[in-house]
Amino acid sequence: MPDTRLRIELLDTQPLVWRRMLVPQQISLHRLLKVHIAAPASSVPGHARCG
C-alpha cells in the first residue's frame, strides 16, 4: 500500500514551524502521534520518513 504525505504545522508560531512526514496509509492515530513525537529532524529541513 502506498504512503501518504502529511504536512504538520504548529499553530500560532512565527516563523511557521512545520514538518513533512511520509507514513503508511493504514497508520493508526495512536501510532502516528508516537511517530511524530519520536521522529528526529532529518538532513533536509521539513522532511522525515517514518514507518
Protein backbone atom coordinates (compact mmCIF):
# COMPACT_ATOMS: atom_id res chain seq x y z
CA MET A 1 0.00 0.00 0.00
CA PRO A 2 1.41 3.46 -0.87
CA ASP A 3 2.47 6.03 1.67
CA THR A 4 0.63 9.24 2.48
CA ARG A 5 2.46 12.55 2.71
CA LEU A 6 1.42 14.74 5.65
CA ARG A 7 2.36 18.31 6.48
CA ILE A 8 2.04 19.03 10.18
CA GLU A 9 2.08 22.67 11.28
CA LEU A 10 2.21 24.24 14.74
CA LEU A 11 -0.39 26.96 15.13
CA ASP A 12 0.38 30.48 16.32
CA THR A 13 4.14 30.35 15.66
CA GLN A 14 6.28 32.96 13.93
CA PRO A 15 8.03 31.89 11.82
CA LEU A 16 5.83 28.96 10.86
CA VAL A 17 7.06 25.64 12.30
CA TRP A 18 6.19 22.56 10.25
CA ARG A 19 7.26 19.01 9.43
CA ARG A 20 6.51 16.88 6.39
CA MET A 21 6.15 13.14 7.02
CA LEU A 22 5.59 10.06 4.85
CA VAL A 23 3.50 7.47 6.66
CA PRO A 24 1.72 4.26 5.66
CA GLN A 25 -1.91 4.84 4.65
CA GLN A 26 -3.12 2.38 7.30
CA ILE A 27 -1.28 4.01 10.24
CA SER A 28 -3.42 4.45 13.34
CA LEU A 29 -3.77 7.84 15.01
CA HIS A 30 -2.11 6.44 18.13
CA ARG A 31 0.92 5.25 16.10
CA LEU A 32 1.04 8.49 14.10
CA LEU A 33 1.28 10.53 17.31
CA LYS A 34 4.07 8.28 18.64
CA VAL A 35 6.00 8.52 15.36
CA HIS A 36 5.56 12.29 15.14
CA ILE A 37 6.87 12.85 18.66
CA ALA A 38 9.83 10.48 18.18
CA ALA A 39 10.80 11.50 14.62
CA PRO A 40 14.20 13.22 14.53
CA ALA A 41 14.83 16.18 12.24
CA SER A 42 16.36 14.86 9.03
CA SER A 43 19.14 16.43 7.00
CA VAL A 44 16.53 18.09 4.75
CA PRO A 45 14.51 20.68 6.74
CA GLY A 46 10.82 19.84 6.93
CA HIS A 47 11.22 16.22 5.79
CA ALA A 48 11.08 12.98 7.77
CA ARG A 49 10.48 9.38 6.65
CA CYS A 50 8.54 7.35 9.19
CA GLY A 51 7.07 3.88 9.17
